Amino acid sequence: MKPGRPLGSQVRLNIVEILYFMKQGTGYDLYKHYVAIFPKVTMRLIYYHLRKGYGMGLFNIKKVGVEKGDYSWGNLAEKIYYELGDGAKPILNIKVKEYFDKINK
């Protein structure tokens, strides 16, 4: 066994499952759905795994948009929209599927 941390992550796999049903979404959108399904996660961890998964080919950046609004940090927000990459292999987690079936009714 190699020293160091393993490459796999349950959080990253869960994000793959969520993005499979969403088709695309921002980090914040993913966070909202993730917390509804798997409550013990922080927004920072979601963004970390999105960056890590992008580097691994699990996620692609579909587009980067700048939206105007009244935010606490100013009047512009950069939104990065993610989609599944070629390396993503969703297994259709039943918990995630039931969640999206319920909210899409």
Protein backbone atom coordinates (compact mmCIF):
# COMPACT_ATOMS: atom_id res chain seq x y z
CA MET A 1 0.00 0.00 0.00
CA LYS A 2 1.32 3.45 -0.92
CA PRO A 3 1.86 6.01 1.82
CA GLY A 4 -0.44 9.03 1.92
CA ARG A 5 -4.14 9.57 1.50
CA PRO A 6 -6.20 7.42 -0.85
CA LEU A 7 -7.39 9.06 -4.08
CA GLY A 8 -11.05 8.15 -3.63
CA SER A 9 -13.48 10.26 -1.63
CA GLN A 10 -17.08 9.51 -0.68
CA VAL A 11 -17.90 13.21 -0.84
CA ARG A 12 -16.58 13.44 -4.40
CA LEU A 13 -18.52 10.33 -5.40
CA ASN A 14 -21.68 11.84 -3.92
CA ILE A 15 -21.10 15.04 -5.91
CA VAL A 16 -20.81 12.93 -9.07
CA GLU A 17 -24.16 11.32 -8.25
CA ILE A 18 -25.82 14.70 -7.64
CA LEU A 19 -24.41 16.22 -10.82
CA TYR A 20 -25.65 13.21 -12.79
CA PHE A 21 -29.23 14.19 -11.93
CA MET A 22 -28.68 17.97 -12.11
CA LYS A 23 -26.77 17.85 -15.45
CA GLN A 24 -25.00 21.11 -14.47
CA GLY A 25 -24.80 23.40 -11.47
CA THR A 26 -22.80 25.86 -9.45
CA GLY A 27 -20.93 24.94 -6.31
CA TYR A 28 -23.61 26.56 -4.18
CA ASP A 29 -26.41 24.66 -5.95
CA LEU A 30 -24.52 21.41 -5.40
CA TYR A 31 -24.01 22.31 -1.74
CA LYS A 32 -27.75 22.93 -1.19
CA HIS A 33 -28.70 19.56 -2.65
CA TYR A 34 -25.81 17.75 -0.95
CA VAL A 35 -26.80 19.03 2.50
CA ALA A 36 -30.41 17.99 1.93
CA ILE A 37 -29.28 14.42 1.18
CA PHE A 38 -26.10 14.03 3.28
CA PRO A 39 -26.25 16.66 6.08
CA LYS A 40 -22.71 16.56 7.47
CA VAL A 41 -20.66 18.60 5.00
CA THR A 42 -19.43 22.18 4.72
CA MET A 43 -19.58 24.44 1.70
CA ARG A 44 -15.80 24.73 1.80
CA LEU A 45 -15.49 20.94 1.45
CA ILE A 46 -17.79 20.92 -1.59
CA TYR A 47 -15.71 23.57 -3.33
CA TYR A 48 -12.51 21.70 -2.44
CA HIS A 49 -13.81 18.48 -4.00
CA LEU A 50 -15.05 20.31 -7.09
CA ARG A 51 -11.55 21.71 -7.68
CA LYS A 52 -9.94 18.35 -6.92
CA GLY A 53 -12.42 16.47 -9.12
CA TYR A 54 -11.85 18.96 -11.95
CA GLY A 55 -8.14 18.16 -11.81
CA MET A 56 -8.93 14.43 -11.88
CA GLY A 57 -11.27 14.71 -14.89
CA LEU A 58 -14.44 13.95 -12.93
CA PHE A 59 -15.92 17.41 -13.52
CA ASN A 60 -15.76 19.87 -16.39
CA ILE A 61 -16.36 23.58 -16.22
CA LYS A 62 -19.27 24.27 -18.54
CA LYS A 63 -19.19 28.04 -18.23
CA VAL A 64 -18.09 30.87 -16.00
CA GLY A 65 -20.52 33.71 -15.58
CA VAL A 66 -20.50 37.00 -13.73
CA GLU A 67 -23.79 38.03 -12.17
CA LYS A 68 -24.69 41.42 -10.78
CA GLY A 69 -26.41 41.66 -7.45
CA ASP A 70 -26.23 43.08 -3.95
CA TYR A 71 -23.75 40.78 -2.21
CA SER A 72 -21.94 41.31 1.07
CA TRP A 73 -18.61 41.44 -0.79
CA GLY A 74 -19.71 43.76 -3.60
CA ASN A 75 -21.99 43.95 -6.59
CA LEU A 76 -20.54 41.11 -8.74
CA ALA A 77 -20.35 37.38 -8.21
CA GLU A 78 -18.46 34.90 -10.37
CA LYS A 79 -20.40 31.69 -10.86
CA ILE A 80 -18.70 28.57 -12.18
CA TYR A 81 -21.05 25.98 -13.67
CA TYR A 82 -19.86 22.36 -13.44
CA GLU A 83 -20.93 19.28 -15.35
CA LEU A 84 -19.76 15.67 -15.31
CA GLY A 85 -16.46 14.95 -17.00
CA ASP A 86 -15.36 11.89 -18.94
CA GLY A 87 -13.79 10.33 -15.84
CA ALA A 88 -17.04 10.37 -13.84
CA LYS A 89 -18.74 7.03 -13.38
CA PRO A 90 -22.07 7.52 -11.57
CA ILE A 91 -23.48 4.40 -9.93
CA LEU A 92 -26.99 5.83 -9.44
CA ASN A 93 -27.09 6.03 -5.65
CA ILE A 94 -30.66 5.20 -4.58
CA LYS A 95 -30.70 7.91 -1.89
CA VAL A 96 -29.80 10.61 -4.43
CA LYS A 97 -32.26 9.24 -7.00
CA GLU A 98 -35.13 9.26 -4.49
CA TYR A 99 -34.28 12.84 -3.49
CA PHE A 100 -34.40 14.12 -7.09
CA ASP A 101 -37.52 12.10 -7.88
CA LYS A 102 -39.19 13.76 -4.90
CA ILE A 103 -38.19 17.35 -5.76
CA ASN A 104 -38.97 16.95 -9.47
CA LYS A 105 -42.61 15.98 -8.86
